[in-house]
Amino acid sequence: MEESRKHLMDKFQQHLLSSYKNYCKTYRVDESYTGFVTYLIDHELIPTKNVKHYTVLKEYTRYSLDYPHKTAAVEAISRYFNISIRSVWSILKNSQEFEKGGTV
């Protein structure tokens, strides 16, 4: 079973890298890490929702150092990314690390 999963992951990586290289060649763009991440998002291999959640969680960790209260940090993130305060709280509350009281 584990070997099958490894084969699947190997093939996925092979196809993904090949597709990215062809994309770069077709559109005459240099291959780069940031270009690769953009490619993954643009081709919906990383859903926009995941990008939003990941970014909010990581920014909360950074903002919580500058703001003494969680509410102030959440409000600042809300303003910066133009997302509702309720959405920011929802993302944080659905994070296991936030629920444990740690950093996210």
PDB file of N, CA and C in Angstrom:
ATOM      1  N   MET A   1       0.821  -1.196   0.000  1.00  0.00           N
ATOM      2  CA  MET A   1       0.000   0.000   0.000  1.00  0.00           C
ATOM      3  C   MET A   1       0.865   1.260   0.000  1.00  0.00           C
ATOM      4  N   GLU A   2       1.865   1.301   0.865  1.00  0.00           N
ATOM      5  CA  GLU A   2       2.761   2.458   0.957  1.00  0.00           C
ATOM      6  C   GLU A   2       3.529   2.654  -0.345  1.00  0.00           C
ATOM      7  N   GLU A   3       3.922   1.564  -0.972  1.00  0.00           N
ATOM      8  CA  GLU A   3       4.661   1.645  -2.228  1.00  0.00           C
ATOM      9  C   GLU A   3       3.784   2.239  -3.338  1.00  0.00           C
ATOM     10  N   SER A   4       2.510   1.888  -3.353  1.00  0.00           N
ATOM     11  CA  SER A   4       1.579   2.436  -4.343  1.00  0.00           C
ATOM     12  C   SER A   4       1.453   3.947  -4.179  1.00  0.00           C
ATOM     13  N   ARG A   5       1.395   4.382  -2.951  1.00  0.00           N
ATOM     14  CA  ARG A   5       1.295   5.824  -2.680  1.00  0.00           C
ATOM     15  C   ARG A   5       2.546   6.541  -3.153  1.00  0.00           C
ATOM     16  N   LYS A   6       3.698   5.944  -2.929  1.00  0.00           N
ATOM     17  CA  LYS A   6       4.950   6.542  -3.380  1.00  0.00           C
ATOM     18  C   LYS A   6       4.982   6.647  -4.897  1.00  0.00           C
ATOM     19  N   HIS A   7       4.544   5.601  -5.584  1.00  0.00           N
ATOM     20  CA  HIS A   7       4.497   5.639  -7.047  1.00  0.00           C
ATOM     21  C   HIS A   7       3.577   6.765  -7.529  1.00  0.00           C
ATOM     22  N   LEU A   8       2.443   6.887  -6.874  1.00  0.00           N
ATOM     23  CA  LEU A   8       1.492   7.932  -7.239  1.00  0.00           C
ATOM     24  C   LEU A   8       2.116   9.313  -7.049  1.00  0.00           C
ATOM     25  N   MET A   9       2.771   9.524  -5.913  1.00  0.00           N
ATOM     26  CA  MET A   9       3.408  10.819  -5.644  1.00  0.00           C
ATOM     27  C   MET A   9       4.542  11.096  -6.633  1.00  0.00           C
ATOM     28  N   ASP A  10       5.325  10.084  -6.942  1.00  0.00           N
ATOM     29  CA  ASP A  10       6.415  10.252  -7.911  1.00  0.00           C
ATOM     30  C   ASP A  10       5.882  10.668  -9.271  1.00  0.00           C
ATOM     31  N   LYS A  11       4.827  10.003  -9.730  1.00  0.00           N
ATOM     32  CA  LYS A  11       4.231  10.328 -11.030  1.00  0.00           C
ATOM     33  C   LYS A  11       3.596  11.718 -11.013  1.00  0.00           C
ATOM     34  N   PHE A  12       2.931  12.048  -9.904  1.00  0.00           N
ATOM     35  CA  PHE A  12       2.338  13.374  -9.768  1.00  0.00           C
ATOM     36  C   PHE A  12       3.418  14.446  -9.913  1.00  0.00           C
ATOM     37  N   GLN A  13       4.518  14.285  -9.195  1.00  0.00           N
ATOM     38  CA  GLN A  13       5.610  15.255  -9.267  1.00  0.00           C
ATOM     39  C   GLN A  13       6.193  15.328 -10.670  1.00  0.00           C
ATOM     40  N   GLN A  14       6.363  14.185 -11.292  1.00  0.00           N
ATOM     41  CA  GLN A  14       6.918  14.131 -12.644  1.00  0.00           C
ATOM     42  C   GLN A  14       6.009  14.892 -13.623  1.00  0.00           C
ATOM     43  N   HIS A  15       4.715  14.622 -13.569  1.00  0.00           N
ATOM     44  CA  HIS A  15       3.774  15.289 -14.471  1.00  0.00           C
ATOM     45  C   HIS A  15       3.672  16.785 -14.181  1.00  0.00           C
ATOM     46  N   LEU A  16       3.656  17.124 -12.920  1.00  0.00           N
ATOM     47  CA  LEU A  16       3.547  18.522 -12.521  1.00  0.00           C
ATOM     48  C   LEU A  16       4.754  19.319 -12.995  1.00  0.00           C
ATOM     49  N   LEU A  17       5.937  18.793 -12.763  1.00  0.00           N
ATOM     50  CA  LEU A  17       7.152  19.489 -13.177  1.00  0.00           C
ATOM     51  C   LEU A  17       7.225  19.609 -14.699  1.00  0.00           C
ATOM     52  N   SER A  18       6.861  18.552 -15.392  1.00  0.00           N
ATOM     53  CA  SER A  18       6.857  18.571 -16.854  1.00  0.00           C
ATOM     54  C   SER A  18       5.880  19.626 -17.381  1.00  0.00           C
ATOM     55  N   SER A  19       4.697  19.672 -16.793  1.00  0.00           N
ATOM     56  CA  SER A  19       3.695  20.659 -17.209  1.00  0.00           C
ATOM     57  C   SER A  19       4.175  22.082 -16.954  1.00  0.00           C
ATOM     58  N   TYR A  20       4.809  22.299 -15.805  1.00  0.00           N
ATOM     59  CA  TYR A  20       5.326  23.631 -15.475  1.00  0.00           C
ATOM     60  C   TYR A  20       6.425  24.041 -16.446  1.00  0.00           C
ATOM     61  N   LYS A  21       7.323  23.125 -16.752  1.00  0.00           N
ATOM     62  CA  LYS A  21       8.406  23.437 -17.694  1.00  0.00           C
ATOM     63  C   LYS A  21       7.851  23.765 -19.079  1.00  0.00           C
ATOM     64  N   ASN A  22       6.851  23.016 -19.528  1.00  0.00           N
ATOM     65  CA  ASN A  22       6.219  23.307 -20.817  1.00  0.00           C
ATOM     66  C   ASN A  22       5.530  24.669 -20.802  1.00  0.00           C
ATOM     67  N   TYR A  23       4.886  24.969 -19.692  1.00  0.00           N
ATOM     68  CA  TYR A  23       4.230  26.271 -19.535  1.00  0.00           C
ATOM     69  C   TYR A  23       5.260  27.400 -19.654  1.00  0.00           C
ATOM     70  N   CYS A  24       6.373  27.252 -18.966  1.00  0.00           N
ATOM     71  CA  CYS A  24       7.421  28.275 -18.999  1.00  0.00           C
ATOM     72  C   CYS A  24       7.988  28.440 -20.414  1.00  0.00           C
ATOM     73  N   LYS A  25       8.185  27.326 -21.082  1.00  0.00           N
ATOM     74  CA  LYS A  25       8.713  27.364 -22.443  1.00  0.00           C
ATOM     75  C   LYS A  25       7.705  28.034 -23.389  1.00  0.00           C
ATOM     76  N   THR A  26       6.443  27.664 -23.267  1.00  0.00           N
ATOM     77  CA  THR A  26       5.396  28.211 -24.137  1.00  0.00           C
ATOM     78  C   THR A  26       5.243  29.716 -23.964  1.00  0.00           C
ATOM     79  N   TYR A  27       5.247  30.172 -22.714  1.00  0.00           N
ATOM     80  CA  TYR A  27       5.023  31.587 -22.424  1.00  0.00           C
ATOM     81  C   TYR A  27       6.319  32.374 -22.208  1.00  0.00           C
ATOM     82  N   ARG A  28       7.438  31.717 -22.453  1.00  0.00           N
ATOM     83  CA  ARG A  28       8.762  32.349 -22.347  1.00  0.00           C
ATOM     84  C   ARG A  28       8.963  33.069 -21.014  1.00  0.00           C
ATOM     85  N   VAL A  29       8.710  32.324 -19.946  1.00  0.00           N
ATOM     86  CA  VAL A  29       8.974  32.842 -18.604  1.00  0.00           C
ATOM     87  C   VAL A  29      10.042  31.968 -17.954  1.00  0.00           C
ATOM     88  N   ASP A  30      10.835  32.580 -17.107  1.00  0.00           N
ATOM     89  CA  ASP A  30      11.885  31.848 -16.404  1.00  0.00           C
ATOM     90  C   ASP A  30      11.266  30.965 -15.324  1.00  0.00           C
ATOM     91  N   GLU A  31      11.829  29.798 -15.153  1.00  0.00           N
ATOM     92  CA  GLU A  31      11.392  28.917 -14.070  1.00  0.00           C
ATOM     93  C   GLU A  31      11.904  29.475 -12.747  1.00  0.00           C
ATOM     94  N   SER A  32      11.016  29.509 -11.757  1.00  0.00           N
ATOM     95  CA  SER A  32      11.395  29.994 -10.428  1.00  0.00           C
ATOM     96  C   SER A  32      10.422  29.416  -9.409  1.00  0.00           C
ATOM     97  N   TYR A  33      10.803  29.507  -8.135  1.00  0.00           N
ATOM     98  CA  TYR A  33       9.915  29.029  -7.080  1.00  0.00           C
ATOM     99  C   TYR A  33       8.621  29.842  -7.053  1.00  0.00           C
ATOM    100  N   THR A  34       8.757  31.170  -7.127  1.00  0.00           N
ATOM    101  CA  THR A  34       7.546  31.996  -7.082  1.00  0.00           C
ATOM    102  C   THR A  34       6.685  31.760  -8.313  1.00  0.00           C
ATOM    103  N   GLY A  35       7.317  31.568  -9.465  1.00  0.00           N
ATOM    104  CA  GLY A  35       6.569  31.258 -10.677  1.00  0.00           C
ATOM    105  C   GLY A  35       5.853  29.927 -10.557  1.00  0.00           C
ATOM    106  N   PHE A  36       6.505  28.970  -9.917  1.00  0.00           N
ATOM    107  CA  PHE A  36       5.906  27.651  -9.740  1.00  0.00           C
ATOM    108  C   PHE A  36       4.687  27.721  -8.821  1.00  0.00           C
ATOM    109  N   VAL A  37       4.811  28.476  -7.740  1.00  0.00           N
ATOM    110  CA  VAL A  37       3.680  28.631  -6.819  1.00  0.00           C
ATOM    111  C   VAL A  37       2.521  29.322  -7.538  1.00  0.00           C
ATOM    112  N   THR A  38       2.830  30.361  -8.305  1.00  0.00           N
ATOM    113  CA  THR A  38       1.792  31.055  -9.075  1.00  0.00           C
ATOM    114  C   THR A  38       1.136  30.100 -10.059  1.00  0.00           C
ATOM    115  N   TYR A  39       1.931  29.266 -10.696  1.00  0.00           N
ATOM    116  CA  TYR A  39       1.418  28.263 -11.632  1.00  0.00           C
ATOM    117  C   TYR A  39       0.442  27.315 -10.921  1.00  0.00           C
ATOM    118  N   LEU A  40       0.819  26.846  -9.742  1.00  0.00           N
ATOM    119  CA  LEU A  40      -0.048  25.935  -8.980  1.00  0.00           C
ATOM    120  C   LEU A  40      -1.384  26.591  -8.623  1.00  0.00           C
ATOM    121  N   ILE A  41      -1.325  27.860  -8.236  1.00  0.00           N
ATOM    122  CA  ILE A  41      -2.547  28.579  -7.867  1.00  0.00           C
ATOM    123  C   ILE A  41      -3.387  28.859  -9.113  1.00  0.00           C
ATOM    124  N   ASP A  42      -2.751  29.339 -10.168  1.00  0.00           N
ATOM    125  CA  ASP A  42      -3.477  29.670 -11.400  1.00  0.00           C
ATOM    126  C   ASP A  42      -4.155  28.449 -12.017  1.00  0.00           C
ATOM    127  N   HIS A  43      -3.541  27.294 -11.855  1.00  0.00           N
ATOM    128  CA  HIS A  43      -4.115  26.064 -12.406  1.00  0.00           C
ATOM    129  C   HIS A  43      -4.972  25.313 -11.379  1.00  0.00           C
ATOM    130  N   GLU A  44      -5.266  26.004 -10.292  1.00  0.00           N
ATOM    131  CA  GLU A  44      -6.162  25.523  -9.242  1.00  0.00           C
ATOM    132  C   GLU A  44      -5.734  24.200  -8.603  1.00  0.00           C
ATOM    133  N   LEU A  45      -4.426  23.958  -8.591  1.00  0.00           N
ATOM    134  CA  LEU A  45      -3.918  22.805  -7.859  1.00  0.00           C
ATOM    135  C   LEU A  45      -3.794  23.146  -6.377  1.00  0.00           C
ATOM    136  N   ILE A  46      -3.696  24.437  -6.092  1.00  0.00           N
ATOM    137  CA  ILE A  46      -3.802  24.939  -4.727  1.00  0.00           C
ATOM    138  C   ILE A  46      -5.001  25.882  -4.748  1.00  0.00           C
ATOM    139  N   PRO A  47      -6.107  25.489  -4.140  1.00  0.00           N
ATOM    140  CA  PRO A  47      -7.306  26.330  -4.168  1.00  0.00           C
ATOM    141  C   PRO A  47      -7.083  27.686  -3.487  1.00  0.00           C
ATOM    142  N   THR A  48      -7.710  28.714  -4.023  1.00  0.00           N
ATOM    143  CA  THR A  48      -7.594  30.065  -3.483  1.00  0.00           C
ATOM    144  C   THR A  48      -7.982  30.099  -2.002  1.00  0.00           C
ATOM    145  N   LYS A  49      -8.960  29.297  -1.633  1.00  0.00           N
ATOM    146  CA  LYS A  49      -9.386  29.230  -0.223  1.00  0.00           C
ATOM    147  C   LYS A  49      -8.212  28.807   0.661  1.00  0.00           C
ATOM    148  N   ASN A  50      -7.423  27.834   0.214  1.00  0.00           N
ATOM    149  CA  ASN A  50      -6.276  27.380   0.998  1.00  0.00           C
ATOM    150  C   ASN A  50      -5.213  28.475   1.102  1.00  0.00           C
ATOM    151  N   VAL A  51      -5.023  29.223   0.022  1.00  0.00           N
ATOM    152  CA  VAL A  51      -4.061  30.326   0.035  1.00  0.00           C
ATOM    153  C   VAL A  51      -4.488  31.356   1.076  1.00  0.00           C
ATOM    154  N   LYS A  52      -5.769  31.685   1.070  1.00  0.00           N
ATOM    155  CA  LYS A  52      -6.309  32.674   2.002  1.00  0.00           C
ATOM    156  C   LYS A  52      -6.144  32.203   3.451  1.00  0.00           C
ATOM    157  N   HIS A  53      -6.534  30.975   3.720  1.00  0.00           N
ATOM    158  CA  HIS A  53      -6.452  30.446   5.090  1.00  0.00           C
ATOM    159  C   HIS A  53      -5.005  30.377   5.570  1.00  0.00           C
ATOM    160  N   TYR A  54      -4.135  29.863   4.744  1.00  0.00           N
ATOM    161  CA  TYR A  54      -2.725  29.732   5.119  1.00  0.00           C
ATOM    162  C   TYR A  54      -2.131  31.113   5.415  1.00  0.00           C
ATOM    163  N   THR A  55      -2.425  32.079   4.544  1.00  0.00           N
ATOM    164  CA  THR A  55      -1.877  33.421   4.715  1.00  0.00           C
ATOM    165  C   THR A  55      -2.403  34.079   5.984  1.00  0.00           C
ATOM    166  N   VAL A  56      -3.704  33.972   6.226  1.00  0.00           N
ATOM    167  CA  VAL A  56      -4.280  34.571   7.438  1.00  0.00           C
ATOM    168  C   VAL A  56      -3.668  33.941   8.688  1.00  0.00           C
ATOM    169  N   LEU A  57      -3.523  32.632   8.695  1.00  0.00           N
ATOM    170  CA  LEU A  57      -2.935  31.961   9.863  1.00  0.00           C
ATOM    171  C   LEU A  57      -1.496  32.413  10.110  1.00  0.00           C
ATOM    172  N   LYS A  58      -0.713  32.490   9.054  1.00  0.00           N
ATOM    173  CA  LYS A  58       0.687  32.906   9.221  1.00  0.00           C
ATOM    174  C   LYS A  58       0.780  34.380   9.616  1.00  0.00           C
ATOM    175  N   GLU A  59      -0.060  35.215   9.032  1.00  0.00           N
ATOM    176  CA  GLU A  59      -0.038  36.635   9.373  1.00  0.00           C
ATOM    177  C   GLU A  59      -0.512  36.867  10.802  1.00  0.00           C
ATOM    178  N   TYR A  60      -1.452  36.049  11.266  1.00  0.00           N
ATOM    179  CA  TYR A  60      -1.908  36.187  12.641  1.00  0.00           C
ATOM    180  C   TYR A  60      -0.738  35.991  13.608  1.00  0.00           C
ATOM    181  N   THR A  61       0.107  35.012  13.319  1.00  0.00           N
ATOM    182  CA  THR A  61       1.280  34.779  14.159  1.00  0.00           C
ATOM    183  C   THR A  61       2.148  36.034  14.215  1.00  0.00           C
ATOM    184  N   ARG A  62       2.350  36.652  13.065  1.00  0.00           N
ATOM    185  CA  ARG A  62       3.178  37.862  12.990  1.00  0.00           C
ATOM    186  C   ARG A  62       2.481  39.042  13.675  1.00  0.00           C
ATOM    187  N   TYR A  63       1.214  39.240  13.382  1.00  0.00           N
ATOM    188  CA  TYR A  63       0.464  40.366  13.956  1.00  0.00           C
ATOM    189  C   TYR A  63       0.310  40.233  15.465  1.00  0.00           C
ATOM    190  N   SER A  64       0.178  39.023  15.962  1.00  0.00           N
ATOM    191  CA  SER A  64      -0.038  38.845  17.401  1.00  0.00           C
ATOM    192  C   SER A  64       1.172  39.299  18.219  1.00  0.00           C
ATOM    193  N   LEU A  65       2.317  39.419  17.591  1.00  0.00           N
ATOM    194  CA  LEU A  65       3.501  39.938  18.288  1.00  0.00           C
ATOM    195  C   LEU A  65       3.405  41.451  18.468  1.00  0.00           C
ATOM    196  N   ASP A  66       2.725  42.120  17.527  1.00  0.00           N
ATOM    197  CA  ASP A  66       2.632  43.583  17.550  1.00  0.00           C
ATOM    198  C   ASP A  66       1.394  44.113  18.275  1.00  0.00           C
ATOM    199  N   TYR A  67       0.391  43.256  18.419  1.00  0.00           N
ATOM    200  CA  TYR A  67      -0.859  43.691  19.033  1.00  0.00           C
ATOM    201  C   TYR A  67      -1.090  42.908  20.322  1.00  0.00           C
ATOM    202  N   PRO A  68      -1.379  43.618  21.427  1.00  0.00           N
ATOM    203  CA  PRO A  68      -1.514  42.938  22.714  1.00  0.00           C
ATOM    204  C   PRO A  68      -2.774  42.080  22.847  1.00  0.00           C
ATOM    205  N   HIS A  69      -3.790  42.375  22.036  1.00  0.00           N
ATOM    206  CA  HIS A  69      -5.044  41.637  22.130  1.00  0.00           C
ATOM    207  C   HIS A  69      -5.361  40.958  20.801  1.00  0.00           C
ATOM    208  N   LYS A  70      -5.943  39.767  20.896  1.00  0.00           N
ATOM    209  CA  LYS A  70      -6.304  39.016  19.690  1.00  0.00           C
ATOM    210  C   LYS A  70      -7.229  39.832  18.792  1.00  0.00           C
ATOM    211  N   THR A  71      -8.176  40.523  19.389  1.00  0.00           N
ATOM    212  CA  THR A  71      -9.144  41.295  18.612  1.00  0.00           C
ATOM    213  C   THR A  71      -8.450  42.361  17.769  1.00  0.00           C
ATOM    214  N   ALA A  72      -7.470  43.039  18.346  1.00  0.00           N
ATOM    215  CA  ALA A  72      -6.741  44.072  17.607  1.00  0.00           C
ATOM    216  C   ALA A  72      -5.978  43.466  16.432  1.00  0.00           C
ATOM    217  N   ALA A  73      -5.376  42.317  16.644  1.00  0.00           N
ATOM    218  CA  ALA A  73      -4.653  41.636  15.565  1.00  0.00           C
ATOM    219  C   ALA A  73      -5.615  41.217  14.461  1.00  0.00           C
ATOM    220  N   VAL A  74      -6.751  40.669  14.837  1.00  0.00           N
ATOM    221  CA  VAL A  74      -7.760  40.233  13.860  1.00  0.00           C
ATOM    222  C   VAL A  74      -8.275  41.428  13.060  1.00  0.00           C
ATOM    223  N   GLU A  75      -8.537  42.539  13.733  1.00  0.00           N
ATOM    224  CA  GLU A  75      -9.024  43.737  13.042  1.00  0.00           C
ATOM    225  C   GLU A  75      -7.979  44.261  12.058  1.00  0.00           C
ATOM    226  N   ALA A  76      -6.720  44.230  12.434  1.00  0.00           N
ATOM    227  CA  ALA A  76      -5.655  44.694  11.543  1.00  0.00           C
ATOM    228  C   ALA A  76      -5.538  43.799  10.310  1.00  0.00           C
ATOM    229  N   ILE A  77      -5.624  42.498  10.505  1.00  0.00           N
ATOM    230  CA  ILE A  77      -5.578  41.555   9.381  1.00  0.00           C
ATOM    231  C   ILE A  77      -6.777  41.781   8.467  1.00  0.00           C
ATOM    232  N   SER A  78      -7.918  41.983   9.065  1.00  0.00           N
ATOM    233  CA  SER A  78      -9.136  42.237   8.302  1.00  0.00           C
ATOM    234  C   SER A  78      -8.976  43.465   7.405  1.00  0.00           C
ATOM    235  N   ARG A  79      -8.454  44.522   7.970  1.00  0.00           N
ATOM    236  CA  ARG A  79      -8.237  45.753   7.190  1.00  0.00           C
ATOM    237  C   ARG A  79      -7.205  45.541   6.088  1.00  0.00           C
ATOM    238  N   TYR A  80      -6.101  44.918   6.440  1.00  0.00           N
ATOM    239  CA  TYR A  80      -4.991  44.749   5.486  1.00  0.00           C
ATOM    240  C   TYR A  80      -5.400  43.922   4.265  1.00  0.00           C
ATOM    241  N   PHE A  81      -6.121  42.835   4.489  1.00  0.00           N
ATOM    242  CA  PHE A  81      -6.497  41.939   3.392  1.00  0.00           C
ATOM    243  C   PHE A  81      -7.914  42.195   2.874  1.00  0.00           C
ATOM    244  N   ASN A  82      -8.590  43.181   3.457  1.00  0.00           N
ATOM    245  CA  ASN A  82      -9.955  43.513   3.053  1.00  0.00           C
ATOM    246  C   ASN A  82     -10.875  42.286   3.127  1.00  0.00           C
ATOM    247  N   ILE A  83     -10.803  41.604   4.262  1.00  0.00           N
ATOM    248  CA  ILE A  83     -11.664  40.458   4.541  1.00  0.00           C
ATOM    249  C   ILE A  83     -12.456  40.834   5.800  1.00  0.00           C
ATOM    250  N   SER A  84     -13.639  40.305   5.908  1.00  0.00           N
ATOM    251  CA  SER A  84     -14.450  40.645   7.093  1.00  0.00           C
ATOM    252  C   SER A  84     -13.785  40.103   8.367  1.00  0.00           C
ATOM    253  N   ILE A  85     -14.025  40.807   9.456  1.00  0.00           N
ATOM    254  CA  ILE A  85     -13.509  40.376  10.758  1.00  0.00           C
ATOM    255  C   ILE A  85     -14.040  38.982  11.079  1.00  0.00           C
ATOM    256  N   ARG A  86     -15.280  38.764  10.756  1.00  0.00           N
ATOM    257  CA  ARG A  86     -15.903  37.464  11.010  1.00  0.00           C
ATOM    258  C   ARG A  86     -15.178  36.344  10.251  1.00  0.00           C
ATOM    259  N   SER A  87     -14.773  36.622   9.013  1.00  0.00           N
ATOM    260  CA  SER A  87     -14.036  35.618   8.230  1.00  0.00           C
ATOM    261  C   SER A  87     -12.683  35.290   8.854  1.00  0.00           C
ATOM    262  N   VAL A  88     -12.001  36.333   9.323  1.00  0.00           N
ATOM    263  CA  VAL A  88     -10.693  36.112   9.958  1.00  0.00           C
ATOM    264  C   VAL A  88     -10.870  35.259  11.204  1.00  0.00           C
ATOM    265  N   TRP A  89     -11.850  35.602  12.047  1.00  0.00           N
ATOM    266  CA  TRP A  89     -12.102  34.797  13.249  1.00  0.00           C
ATOM    267  C   TRP A  89     -12.436  33.360  12.880  1.00  0.00           C
ATOM    268  N   SER A  90     -13.242  33.186  11.857  1.00  0.00           N
ATOM    269  CA  SER A  90     -13.640  31.844  11.429  1.00  0.00           C
ATOM    270  C   SER A  90     -12.430  31.017  11.003  1.00  0.00           C
ATOM    271  N   ILE A  91     -11.541  31.625  10.240  1.00  0.00           N
ATOM    272  CA  ILE A  91     -10.324  30.930   9.811  1.00  0.00           C
ATOM    273  C   ILE A  91      -9.495  30.527  11.030  1.00  0.00           C
ATOM    274  N   LEU A  92      -9.333  31.464  11.948  1.00  0.00           N
ATOM    275  CA  LEU A  92      -8.535  31.178  13.148  1.00  0.00           C
ATOM    276  C   LEU A  92      -9.191  30.105  14.016  1.00  0.00           C
ATOM    277  N   LYS A  93     -10.477  30.182  14.187  1.00  0.00           N
ATOM    278  CA  LYS A  93     -11.164  29.222  15.046  1.00  0.00           C
ATOM    279  C   LYS A  93     -11.155  27.815  14.459  1.00  0.00           C
ATOM    280  N   ASN A  94     -11.049  27.715  13.140  1.00  0.00           N
ATOM    281  CA  ASN A  94     -10.991  26.400  12.503  1.00  0.00           C
ATOM    282  C   ASN A  94      -9.576  25.831  12.465  1.00  0.00           C
ATOM    283  N   SER A  95      -8.631  26.596  12.954  1.00  0.00           N
ATOM    284  CA  SER A  95      -7.238  26.143  13.033  1.00  0.00           C
ATOM    285  C   SER A  95      -7.023  25.387  14.335  1.00  0.00           C
ATOM    286  N   GLN A  96      -6.455  24.222  14.274  1.00  0.00           N
ATOM    287  CA  GLN A  96      -6.202  23.421  15.470  1.00  0.00           C
ATOM    288  C   GLN A  96      -5.204  24.122  16.405  1.00  0.00           C
ATOM    289  N   GLU A  97      -4.191  24.741  15.837  1.00  0.00           N
ATOM    290  CA  GLU A  97      -3.184  25.406  16.671  1.00  0.00           C
ATOM    291  C   GLU A  97      -3.794  26.573  17.446  1.00  0.00           C
ATOM    292  N   PHE A  98      -4.669  27.329  16.801  1.00  0.00           N
ATOM    293  CA  PHE A  98      -5.317  28.449  17.470  1.00  0.00           C
ATOM    294  C   PHE A  98      -6.182  27.965  18.618  1.00  0.00           C
ATOM    295  N   GLU A  99      -6.873  26.868  18.384  1.00  0.00           N
ATOM    296  CA  GLU A  99      -7.742  26.298  19.417  1.00  0.00           C
ATOM    297  C   GLU A  99      -6.939  25.861  20.645  1.00  0.00           C
ATOM    298  N   LYS A 100      -5.708  25.420  20.429  1.00  0.00           N
ATOM    299  CA  LYS A 100      -4.878  24.957  21.533  1.00  0.00           C
ATOM    300  C   LYS A 100      -4.275  26.142  22.306  1.00  0.00           C
ATOM    301  N   GLY A 101      -4.470  27.353  21.767  1.00  0.00           N
ATOM    302  CA  GLY A 101      -3.943  28.531  22.445  1.00  0.00           C
ATOM    303  C   GLY A 101      -2.529  28.877  22.031  1.00  0.00           C
ATOM    304  N   GLY A 102      -1.990  28.144  21.075  1.00  0.00           N
ATOM    305  CA  GLY A 102      -0.631  28.419  20.604  1.00  0.00           C
ATOM    306  C   GLY A 102      -0.637  29.349  19.408  1.00  0.00           C
ATOM    307  N   THR A 103       0.533  29.526  18.861  1.00  0.00           N
ATOM    308  CA  THR A 103       0.625  30.325  17.651  1.00  0.00           C
ATOM    309  C   THR A 103       0.244  29.434  16.471  1.00  0.00           C
ATOM    310  N   VAL A 104      -0.148  30.090  15.401  1.00  0.00           N
ATOM    311  CA  VAL A 104      -0.565  29.342  14.218  1.00  0.00           C
ATOM    312  C   VAL A 104       0.470  29.417  13.129  1.00  0.00           C
TER     313      VAL A 104
END
